[in-house]
């Protein structure tokens, strides 16, 4: 079992490197000039050059030890996600959102657990009956619905209609 766990952890390294490479390529090569977007449409060349230097966009993409990809790789493994466009640290924004997210996720997890175990016991008790087939059909239909639709429905109902929490967190 220990060898299996070690082997799976070693598989994690190329997978994470591949995900980092794909996200780096998507954000760097597809998005256009990021420094121009940060500076704005009417920015002069000096401001754009300062932003490129500040964010490291003036460095080569891949083929150097101080390349943008290696800096991206190092920052990802040290959990330094940089700064957002409003100059606030992204890690702090994520940390502020952890509380509200957990306040929704933990109760929903335990509620889903109770409902799932209840349905499983009912189906096991009523095995082979019409109710067994109906409950199994409803469970399969519920699993087939994308989670995003549950999230959107939950936001609409609990945040917008009932006003229990903010729809988005600043």
N, C-alpha and C. Protein backbone atom coordinates (compact mmCIF):
# COMPACT_ATOMS: atom_id res chain seq x y z
N UNK A 1 0.83 -1.20 0.00
CA UNK A 1 0.00 0.00 0.00
C UNK A 1 0.87 1.26 0.00
N UNK A 2 1.97 1.21 0.75
CA UNK A 2 2.87 2.37 0.80
C UNK A 2 3.47 2.63 -0.58
N UNK A 3 3.85 1.58 -1.29
CA UNK A 3 4.41 1.75 -2.63
C UNK A 3 3.37 2.35 -3.57
N UNK A 4 2.12 1.95 -3.42
CA UNK A 4 1.05 2.49 -4.25
C UNK A 4 0.87 3.98 -3.99
N UNK A 5 0.87 4.37 -2.72
CA UNK A 5 0.70 5.79 -2.37
C UNK A 5 1.87 6.61 -2.89
N UNK A 6 3.09 6.09 -2.74
CA UNK A 6 4.27 6.82 -3.24
C UNK A 6 4.21 6.95 -4.75
N UNK A 7 3.82 5.87 -5.44
CA UNK A 7 3.71 5.91 -6.89
C UNK A 7 2.66 6.94 -7.33
N UNK A 8 1.54 6.98 -6.64
CA UNK A 8 0.50 7.96 -6.98
C UNK A 8 0.97 9.39 -6.72
N UNK A 9 1.72 9.59 -5.65
CA UNK A 9 2.25 10.93 -5.37
C UNK A 9 3.28 11.33 -6.41
N UNK A 10 4.05 10.38 -6.90
CA UNK A 10 5.02 10.70 -7.96
C UNK A 10 4.32 11.01 -9.28
N UNK A 11 3.17 10.38 -9.53
CA UNK A 11 2.38 10.72 -10.71
C UNK A 11 1.86 12.15 -10.63
N UNK A 12 1.71 12.65 -9.44
CA UNK A 12 1.18 13.99 -9.24
C UNK A 12 2.10 15.06 -9.82
N UNK A 13 3.41 14.83 -9.79
CA UNK A 13 4.37 15.83 -10.26
C UNK A 13 4.18 16.16 -11.74
N UNK A 14 4.21 15.18 -12.66
CA UNK A 14 4.00 15.56 -14.06
C UNK A 14 2.59 16.08 -14.35
N UNK A 15 1.62 15.63 -13.59
CA UNK A 15 0.26 16.13 -13.81
C UNK A 15 0.17 17.61 -13.45
N UNK A 16 0.72 17.98 -12.30
CA UNK A 16 0.70 19.39 -11.89
C UNK A 16 1.52 20.23 -12.85
N UNK A 17 2.67 19.71 -13.28
CA UNK A 17 3.48 20.46 -14.25
C UNK A 17 2.72 20.65 -15.56
N UNK A 18 2.00 19.63 -16.00
CA UNK A 18 1.22 19.76 -17.22
C UNK A 18 0.09 20.77 -17.09
N UNK A 19 -0.59 20.75 -15.96
CA UNK A 19 -1.67 21.72 -15.72
C UNK A 19 -1.10 23.14 -15.69
N UNK A 20 0.04 23.31 -15.01
CA UNK A 20 0.67 24.64 -14.97
C UNK A 20 1.09 25.09 -16.37
N UNK A 21 1.62 24.17 -17.16
CA UNK A 21 2.03 24.52 -18.52
C UNK A 21 0.84 24.93 -19.37
N UNK A 22 -0.24 24.18 -19.29
CA UNK A 22 -1.43 24.50 -20.09
C UNK A 22 -2.03 25.83 -19.66
N UNK A 23 -2.17 26.06 -18.35
CA UNK A 23 -2.74 27.34 -17.90
C UNK A 23 -1.81 28.50 -18.24
N UNK A 24 -0.51 28.30 -18.12
CA UNK A 24 0.43 29.36 -18.48
C UNK A 24 0.30 29.70 -19.96
N UNK A 25 0.25 28.68 -20.81
CA UNK A 25 0.12 28.93 -22.25
C UNK A 25 -1.20 29.61 -22.58
N UNK A 26 -2.28 29.17 -21.95
CA UNK A 26 -3.58 29.79 -22.23
C UNK A 26 -3.59 31.26 -21.85
N UNK A 27 -3.07 31.58 -20.67
CA UNK A 27 -3.13 32.97 -20.22
C UNK A 27 -2.09 33.85 -20.89
N UNK A 28 -0.97 33.27 -21.30
CA UNK A 28 0.10 34.08 -21.86
C UNK A 28 0.00 34.23 -23.37
N UNK A 29 -0.22 33.14 -24.05
CA UNK A 29 -0.17 33.17 -25.51
C UNK A 29 -1.50 33.56 -26.15
N UNK A 30 -2.60 33.29 -25.49
CA UNK A 30 -3.90 33.54 -26.08
C UNK A 30 -4.45 34.91 -25.70
N UNK A 31 -4.13 35.40 -24.51
CA UNK A 31 -4.77 36.58 -23.97
C UNK A 31 -4.37 37.91 -24.55
N UNK A 32 -3.34 37.97 -25.37
CA UNK A 32 -2.89 39.24 -25.89
C UNK A 32 -1.90 39.90 -24.94
N UNK A 33 -1.69 41.19 -25.09
CA UNK A 33 -0.72 41.91 -24.27
C UNK A 33 -1.36 42.27 -22.92
N UNK A 34 -0.97 41.56 -21.89
CA UNK A 34 -1.56 41.76 -20.56
C UNK A 34 -1.18 43.13 -20.00
N UNK A 35 0.06 43.56 -20.26
CA UNK A 35 0.48 44.86 -19.73
C UNK A 35 -0.33 45.99 -20.35
N UNK A 36 -0.73 45.85 -21.59
CA UNK A 36 -1.59 46.86 -22.23
C UNK A 36 -2.97 46.87 -21.57
N UNK A 37 -3.49 45.70 -21.21
CA UNK A 37 -4.78 45.62 -20.55
C UNK A 37 -4.73 46.24 -19.16
N UNK A 38 -3.62 46.02 -18.44
CA UNK A 38 -3.48 46.58 -17.10
C UNK A 38 -3.35 48.09 -17.17
N UNK A 39 -2.54 48.58 -18.12
CA UNK A 39 -2.29 50.02 -18.22
C UNK A 39 -3.49 50.79 -18.74
N UNK A 40 -4.29 50.17 -19.56
CA UNK A 40 -5.43 50.86 -20.15
C UNK A 40 -5.17 51.19 -21.61
N UNK A 41 -6.20 51.62 -22.30
CA UNK A 41 -6.10 51.86 -23.73
C UNK A 41 -5.25 53.08 -24.07
N UNK A 42 -5.29 54.10 -23.22
CA UNK A 42 -4.61 55.35 -23.54
C UNK A 42 -3.25 55.49 -22.86
N UNK A 43 -2.64 54.39 -22.43
CA UNK A 43 -1.36 54.46 -21.73
C UNK A 43 -0.22 54.67 -22.72
N UNK A 44 0.81 55.39 -22.26
CA UNK A 44 1.96 55.61 -23.11
C UNK A 44 2.93 54.43 -23.02
N UNK A 45 3.94 54.42 -23.88
CA UNK A 45 4.87 53.30 -23.98
C UNK A 45 5.70 53.13 -22.70
N UNK A 46 6.01 54.23 -22.03
CA UNK A 46 6.81 54.16 -20.80
C UNK A 46 6.04 53.45 -19.68
N UNK A 47 4.77 53.76 -19.55
CA UNK A 47 3.93 53.11 -18.53
C UNK A 47 3.81 51.62 -18.82
N UNK A 48 3.62 51.28 -20.07
CA UNK A 48 3.52 49.86 -20.44
C UNK A 48 4.83 49.14 -20.16
N UNK A 49 5.96 49.80 -20.44
CA UNK A 49 7.26 49.18 -20.16
C UNK A 49 7.47 48.98 -18.66
N UNK A 50 7.03 49.94 -17.85
CA UNK A 50 7.14 49.79 -16.39
C UNK A 50 6.30 48.62 -15.89
N UNK A 51 5.10 48.49 -16.42
CA UNK A 51 4.23 47.38 -16.02
C UNK A 51 4.82 46.05 -16.46
N UNK A 52 5.38 46.00 -17.67
CA UNK A 52 6.03 44.76 -18.13
C UNK A 52 7.17 44.37 -17.20
N UNK A 53 7.95 45.35 -16.78
CA UNK A 53 9.08 45.06 -15.88
C UNK A 53 8.58 44.66 -14.49
N UNK A 54 7.55 45.34 -13.99
CA UNK A 54 7.02 45.06 -12.65
C UNK A 54 6.46 43.64 -12.56
N UNK A 55 5.73 43.22 -13.57
CA UNK A 55 5.11 41.89 -13.56
C UNK A 55 6.01 40.81 -14.16
N UNK A 56 7.15 41.19 -14.73
CA UNK A 56 8.06 40.21 -15.31
C UNK A 56 7.70 39.80 -16.72
N UNK A 57 6.87 40.59 -17.40
CA UNK A 57 6.48 40.26 -18.76
C UNK A 57 7.59 40.54 -19.77
N UNK A 58 8.64 41.26 -19.35
CA UNK A 58 9.74 41.55 -20.25
C UNK A 58 10.75 40.41 -20.32
N UNK A 59 10.59 39.39 -19.51
CA UNK A 59 11.49 38.23 -19.51
C UNK A 59 11.04 37.24 -20.58
N UNK A 60 11.95 36.34 -21.01
CA UNK A 60 11.55 35.33 -22.01
C UNK A 60 10.49 34.39 -21.46
N UNK A 61 9.69 33.80 -22.35
CA UNK A 61 8.60 32.94 -21.90
C UNK A 61 9.11 31.61 -21.33
N UNK A 62 9.99 30.90 -22.06
CA UNK A 62 10.37 29.55 -21.64
C UNK A 62 11.87 29.32 -21.52
N UNK A 63 12.65 29.75 -22.45
CA UNK A 63 14.00 29.25 -22.64
C UNK A 63 15.07 30.00 -21.85
N UNK A 64 14.86 30.19 -20.57
CA UNK A 64 15.87 30.81 -19.70
C UNK A 64 15.56 30.44 -18.26
N UNK A 65 16.58 30.54 -17.40
CA UNK A 65 16.37 30.20 -15.99
C UNK A 65 15.48 31.22 -15.30
N UNK A 66 15.47 32.45 -15.78
CA UNK A 66 14.59 33.46 -15.20
C UNK A 66 13.38 33.71 -16.08
N UNK A 67 12.92 32.67 -16.77
CA UNK A 67 11.80 32.81 -17.69
C UNK A 67 10.49 33.01 -16.93
N UNK A 68 9.50 33.46 -17.66
CA UNK A 68 8.18 33.68 -17.06
C UNK A 68 7.57 32.37 -16.59
N UNK A 69 7.79 31.27 -17.35
CA UNK A 69 7.20 30.00 -16.96
C UNK A 69 7.79 29.49 -15.65
N UNK A 70 9.10 29.56 -15.49
CA UNK A 70 9.71 29.09 -14.24
C UNK A 70 9.29 29.97 -13.06
N UNK A 71 9.15 31.27 -13.30
CA UNK A 71 8.66 32.14 -12.23
C UNK A 71 7.22 31.78 -11.88
N UNK A 72 6.40 31.50 -12.88
CA UNK A 72 5.01 31.07 -12.67
C UNK A 72 4.97 29.75 -11.89
N UNK A 73 5.86 28.83 -12.26
CA UNK A 73 5.95 27.52 -11.61
C UNK A 73 6.34 27.68 -10.14
N UNK A 74 7.35 28.51 -9.88
CA UNK A 74 7.82 28.73 -8.51
C UNK A 74 6.74 29.41 -7.66
N UNK A 75 6.08 30.40 -8.23
CA UNK A 75 5.03 31.10 -7.48
C UNK A 75 3.86 30.17 -7.16
N UNK A 76 3.53 29.27 -8.08
CA UNK A 76 2.43 28.34 -7.83
C UNK A 76 2.76 27.39 -6.70
N UNK A 77 4.00 26.92 -6.63
CA UNK A 77 4.37 25.97 -5.58
C UNK A 77 4.61 26.64 -4.24
N UNK A 78 4.83 27.95 -4.22
CA UNK A 78 4.97 28.67 -2.95
C UNK A 78 3.68 29.41 -2.58
N UNK A 79 2.61 29.16 -3.34
CA UNK A 79 1.29 29.77 -3.10
C UNK A 79 1.34 31.29 -3.15
N UNK A 80 2.22 31.84 -3.97
CA UNK A 80 2.29 33.27 -4.20
C UNK A 80 1.58 33.54 -5.53
N UNK A 81 0.33 33.94 -5.46
CA UNK A 81 -0.47 34.10 -6.66
C UNK A 81 -0.39 35.50 -7.25
N UNK A 82 0.44 36.36 -6.66
CA UNK A 82 0.63 37.69 -7.20
C UNK A 82 -0.47 38.65 -6.77
N UNK A 83 -0.61 39.69 -7.57
CA UNK A 83 -1.58 40.74 -7.27
C UNK A 83 -2.61 40.84 -8.38
N UNK A 84 -3.81 41.22 -8.00
CA UNK A 84 -4.89 41.41 -8.96
C UNK A 84 -4.73 42.78 -9.63
N UNK A 85 -5.63 43.09 -10.53
CA UNK A 85 -5.55 44.37 -11.22
C UNK A 85 -5.72 45.55 -10.28
N UNK A 86 -6.39 45.35 -9.14
CA UNK A 86 -6.53 46.43 -8.17
C UNK A 86 -5.37 46.46 -7.17
N UNK A 87 -4.29 45.74 -7.47
CA UNK A 87 -3.04 45.70 -6.70
C UNK A 87 -3.18 44.98 -5.36
N UNK A 88 -4.30 44.34 -5.10
CA UNK A 88 -4.47 43.58 -3.87
C UNK A 88 -3.96 42.17 -4.09
N UNK A 89 -3.37 41.57 -3.05
CA UNK A 89 -2.84 40.22 -3.18
C UNK A 89 -3.99 39.23 -3.42
N UNK A 90 -3.80 38.36 -4.39
CA UNK A 90 -4.84 37.39 -4.74
C UNK A 90 -5.03 36.40 -3.61
N UNK A 91 -3.94 36.04 -2.92
CA UNK A 91 -4.05 35.13 -1.78
C UNK A 91 -4.96 35.67 -0.69
N UNK A 92 -4.89 36.98 -0.45
CA UNK A 92 -5.77 37.59 0.55
C UNK A 92 -7.23 37.56 0.10
N UNK A 93 -7.46 37.76 -1.20
CA UNK A 93 -8.83 37.68 -1.71
C UNK A 93 -9.38 36.26 -1.55
N UNK A 94 -8.54 35.28 -1.84
CA UNK A 94 -8.97 33.89 -1.68
C UNK A 94 -9.25 33.60 -0.22
N UNK A 95 -8.37 34.07 0.67
CA UNK A 95 -8.54 33.82 2.11
C UNK A 95 -9.83 34.44 2.63
N UNK A 96 -10.18 35.64 2.14
CA UNK A 96 -11.42 36.27 2.57
C UNK A 96 -12.65 35.48 2.12
N UNK A 97 -12.54 34.79 1.00
CA UNK A 97 -13.68 34.04 0.49
C UNK A 97 -13.82 32.65 1.08
N UNK A 98 -12.82 32.19 1.85
CA UNK A 98 -12.87 30.84 2.40
C UNK A 98 -14.01 30.70 3.41
N UNK A 99 -14.18 31.67 4.28
CA UNK A 99 -15.22 31.61 5.31
C UNK A 99 -16.62 31.48 4.72
N UNK A 100 -17.02 32.42 3.84
CA UNK A 100 -18.35 32.28 3.25
C UNK A 100 -18.52 31.00 2.44
N UNK A 101 -17.47 30.57 1.76
CA UNK A 101 -17.57 29.33 0.98
C UNK A 101 -17.78 28.13 1.89
N UNK A 102 -17.02 28.07 2.99
CA UNK A 102 -17.19 26.95 3.92
C UNK A 102 -18.53 27.01 4.63
N UNK A 103 -19.03 28.24 4.86
CA UNK A 103 -20.34 28.37 5.51
C UNK A 103 -21.44 27.77 4.64
N UNK A 104 -21.24 27.74 3.34
CA UNK A 104 -22.21 27.11 2.45
C UNK A 104 -21.89 25.65 2.19
N UNK A 105 -20.61 25.34 2.04
CA UNK A 105 -20.21 23.99 1.62
C UNK A 105 -20.41 22.95 2.71
N UNK A 106 -20.01 23.25 3.93
CA UNK A 106 -20.07 22.25 5.01
C UNK A 106 -21.52 21.84 5.32
N UNK A 107 -22.45 22.77 5.53
CA UNK A 107 -23.83 22.32 5.77
C UNK A 107 -24.43 21.57 4.58
N UNK A 108 -24.11 22.01 3.36
CA UNK A 108 -24.63 21.31 2.19
C UNK A 108 -24.07 19.90 2.09
N UNK A 109 -22.79 19.74 2.45
CA UNK A 109 -22.18 18.41 2.43
C UNK A 109 -22.89 17.47 3.39
N UNK A 110 -23.07 17.93 4.63
CA UNK A 110 -23.72 17.06 5.62
C UNK A 110 -25.20 16.84 5.29
N UNK A 111 -25.86 17.85 4.75
CA UNK A 111 -27.25 17.66 4.33
C UNK A 111 -27.36 16.64 3.21
N UNK A 112 -26.46 16.73 2.23
CA UNK A 112 -26.45 15.76 1.14
C UNK A 112 -26.12 14.37 1.65
N UNK A 113 -25.22 14.28 2.62
CA UNK A 113 -24.87 12.99 3.20
C UNK A 113 -26.07 12.34 3.88
N UNK A 114 -26.81 13.12 4.65
CA UNK A 114 -27.99 12.60 5.34
C UNK A 114 -29.05 12.16 4.33
N UNK A 115 -29.29 12.98 3.33
CA UNK A 115 -30.29 12.63 2.31
C UNK A 115 -29.87 11.38 1.53
N UNK A 116 -28.60 11.30 1.17
CA UNK A 116 -28.12 10.14 0.40
C UNK A 116 -28.23 8.85 1.20
N UNK A 117 -27.82 8.89 2.46
CA UNK A 117 -27.92 7.69 3.29
C UNK A 117 -29.38 7.31 3.50
N UNK A 118 -30.24 8.30 3.68
CA UNK A 118 -31.67 8.01 3.85
C UNK A 118 -32.25 7.34 2.61
N UNK A 119 -31.94 7.88 1.43
CA UNK A 119 -32.42 7.26 0.19
C UNK A 119 -31.86 5.85 0.03
N UNK A 120 -30.60 5.66 0.37
CA UNK A 120 -29.99 4.33 0.25
C UNK A 120 -30.69 3.32 1.16
N UNK A 121 -31.00 3.74 2.37
CA UNK A 121 -31.70 2.84 3.29
C UNK A 121 -33.12 2.53 2.82
N UNK A 122 -33.80 3.56 2.32
CA UNK A 122 -35.16 3.35 1.81
C UNK A 122 -35.15 2.40 0.62
N UNK A 123 -34.22 2.61 -0.30
CA UNK A 123 -34.13 1.76 -1.48
C UNK A 123 -33.76 0.33 -1.08
N UNK A 124 -32.88 0.18 -0.10
CA UNK A 124 -32.51 -1.17 0.35
C UNK A 124 -33.69 -1.86 1.03
N UNK A 125 -34.47 -1.10 1.76
CA UNK A 125 -35.62 -1.67 2.46
C UNK A 125 -36.75 -2.03 1.50
N UNK A 126 -36.94 -1.19 0.46
CA UNK A 126 -38.04 -1.40 -0.50
C UNK A 126 -37.54 -2.03 -1.80
N UNK A 127 -36.56 -2.86 -1.73
CA UNK A 127 -35.93 -3.44 -2.91
C UNK A 127 -36.94 -4.22 -3.76
N UNK A 128 -36.89 -3.91 -5.08
CA UNK A 128 -37.74 -4.62 -6.02
C UNK A 128 -39.14 -4.05 -6.16
N UNK A 129 -39.49 -3.02 -5.41
CA UNK A 129 -40.83 -2.44 -5.51
C UNK A 129 -40.82 -1.27 -6.49
N UNK A 130 -42.00 -0.71 -6.70
CA UNK A 130 -42.12 0.46 -7.56
C UNK A 130 -41.36 1.64 -6.96
N UNK A 131 -41.43 1.79 -5.63
CA UNK A 131 -40.73 2.89 -4.97
C UNK A 131 -39.22 2.79 -5.16
N UNK A 132 -38.71 1.60 -5.18
CA UNK A 132 -37.28 1.38 -5.44
C UNK A 132 -36.91 1.97 -6.80
N UNK A 133 -37.68 1.65 -7.82
CA UNK A 133 -37.39 2.13 -9.17
C UNK A 133 -37.56 3.65 -9.28
N UNK A 134 -38.56 4.20 -8.62
CA UNK A 134 -38.79 5.65 -8.67
C UNK A 134 -37.64 6.40 -8.00
N UNK A 135 -37.24 5.95 -6.81
CA UNK A 135 -36.17 6.64 -6.08
C UNK A 135 -34.85 6.50 -6.82
N UNK A 136 -34.56 5.33 -7.36
CA UNK A 136 -33.32 5.15 -8.13
C UNK A 136 -33.33 6.05 -9.36
N UNK A 137 -34.48 6.14 -10.05
CA UNK A 137 -34.58 7.02 -11.21
C UNK A 137 -34.34 8.48 -10.82
N UNK A 138 -34.95 8.93 -9.72
CA UNK A 138 -34.76 10.31 -9.27
C UNK A 138 -33.31 10.58 -8.87
N UNK A 139 -32.68 9.61 -8.24
CA UNK A 139 -31.27 9.78 -7.84
C UNK A 139 -30.36 9.88 -9.06
N UNK A 140 -30.59 9.03 -10.05
CA UNK A 140 -29.78 9.09 -11.27
C UNK A 140 -30.04 10.40 -12.01
N UNK A 141 -31.29 10.84 -12.05
CA UNK A 141 -31.60 12.12 -12.69
C UNK A 141 -30.94 13.27 -11.94
N UNK A 142 -30.93 13.21 -10.61
CA UNK A 142 -30.29 14.26 -9.83
C UNK A 142 -28.79 14.32 -10.02
N UNK A 143 -28.17 13.16 -10.16
CA UNK A 143 -26.73 13.12 -10.39
C UNK A 143 -26.40 13.60 -11.80
N UNK A 144 -27.31 13.42 -12.74
CA UNK A 144 -27.08 13.80 -14.13
C UNK A 144 -27.16 15.30 -14.35
N UNK A 145 -27.79 16.03 -13.46
CA UNK A 145 -27.89 17.49 -13.60
C UNK A 145 -26.54 18.10 -13.24
N UNK A 146 -26.01 19.00 -14.07
CA UNK A 146 -24.72 19.60 -13.76
C UNK A 146 -24.76 20.39 -12.44
N UNK A 147 -23.65 20.35 -11.72
CA UNK A 147 -23.58 21.04 -10.44
C UNK A 147 -23.75 22.55 -10.59
N UNK A 148 -23.35 23.09 -11.72
CA UNK A 148 -23.48 24.52 -11.93
C UNK A 148 -24.94 24.96 -11.85
N UNK A 149 -25.85 24.13 -12.32
CA UNK A 149 -27.27 24.50 -12.24
C UNK A 149 -27.74 24.52 -10.79
N UNK A 150 -27.23 23.60 -9.96
CA UNK A 150 -27.56 23.64 -8.53
C UNK A 150 -27.01 24.91 -7.89
N UNK A 151 -25.80 25.29 -8.28
CA UNK A 151 -25.18 26.49 -7.73
C UNK A 151 -25.98 27.73 -8.12
N UNK A 152 -26.35 27.82 -9.40
CA UNK A 152 -27.12 28.97 -9.85
C UNK A 152 -28.49 29.03 -9.19
N UNK A 153 -29.14 27.89 -9.06
CA UNK A 153 -30.43 27.85 -8.38
C UNK A 153 -30.27 28.26 -6.92
N UNK A 154 -29.24 27.74 -6.26
CA UNK A 154 -29.00 28.09 -4.85
C UNK A 154 -28.72 29.57 -4.67
N UNK A 155 -27.92 30.14 -5.58
CA UNK A 155 -27.66 31.58 -5.49
C UNK A 155 -28.94 32.38 -5.69
N UNK A 156 -29.71 31.99 -6.68
CA UNK A 156 -30.94 32.73 -6.95
C UNK A 156 -31.90 32.63 -5.78
N UNK A 157 -32.11 31.43 -5.28
CA UNK A 157 -33.12 31.24 -4.25
C UNK A 157 -32.65 31.74 -2.88
N UNK A 158 -31.49 31.29 -2.41
CA UNK A 158 -31.05 31.61 -1.05
C UNK A 158 -30.45 33.01 -0.93
N UNK A 159 -29.78 33.48 -1.98
CA UNK A 159 -29.15 34.80 -1.89
C UNK A 159 -30.06 35.91 -2.41
N UNK A 160 -30.71 35.67 -3.54
CA UNK A 160 -31.51 36.73 -4.13
C UNK A 160 -32.91 36.78 -3.54
N UNK A 161 -33.61 35.66 -3.50
CA UNK A 161 -34.99 35.65 -3.01
C UNK A 161 -35.07 35.75 -1.49
N UNK A 162 -34.30 34.91 -0.78
CA UNK A 162 -34.37 34.89 0.68
C UNK A 162 -33.42 35.88 1.34
N UNK A 163 -32.41 36.37 0.60
CA UNK A 163 -31.42 37.35 1.08
C UNK A 163 -30.71 36.86 2.35
N UNK A 164 -30.28 35.60 2.33
CA UNK A 164 -29.58 35.03 3.48
C UNK A 164 -28.09 35.36 3.47
N UNK A 165 -27.50 35.59 2.29
CA UNK A 165 -26.08 35.90 2.18
C UNK A 165 -25.86 36.65 0.88
N UNK A 166 -24.70 37.33 0.74
CA UNK A 166 -24.44 38.07 -0.50
C UNK A 166 -24.22 37.13 -1.67
N UNK A 167 -24.62 37.57 -2.85
CA UNK A 167 -24.47 36.75 -4.04
C UNK A 167 -23.00 36.60 -4.40
N UNK A 168 -22.22 37.65 -4.29
CA UNK A 168 -20.78 37.56 -4.51
C UNK A 168 -20.09 38.26 -3.36
N UNK A 169 -18.82 37.89 -3.15
CA UNK A 169 -18.08 38.42 -2.01
C UNK A 169 -17.00 39.34 -2.52
N UNK A 170 -16.92 40.54 -1.99
CA UNK A 170 -15.92 41.52 -2.40
C UNK A 170 -14.57 41.18 -1.87
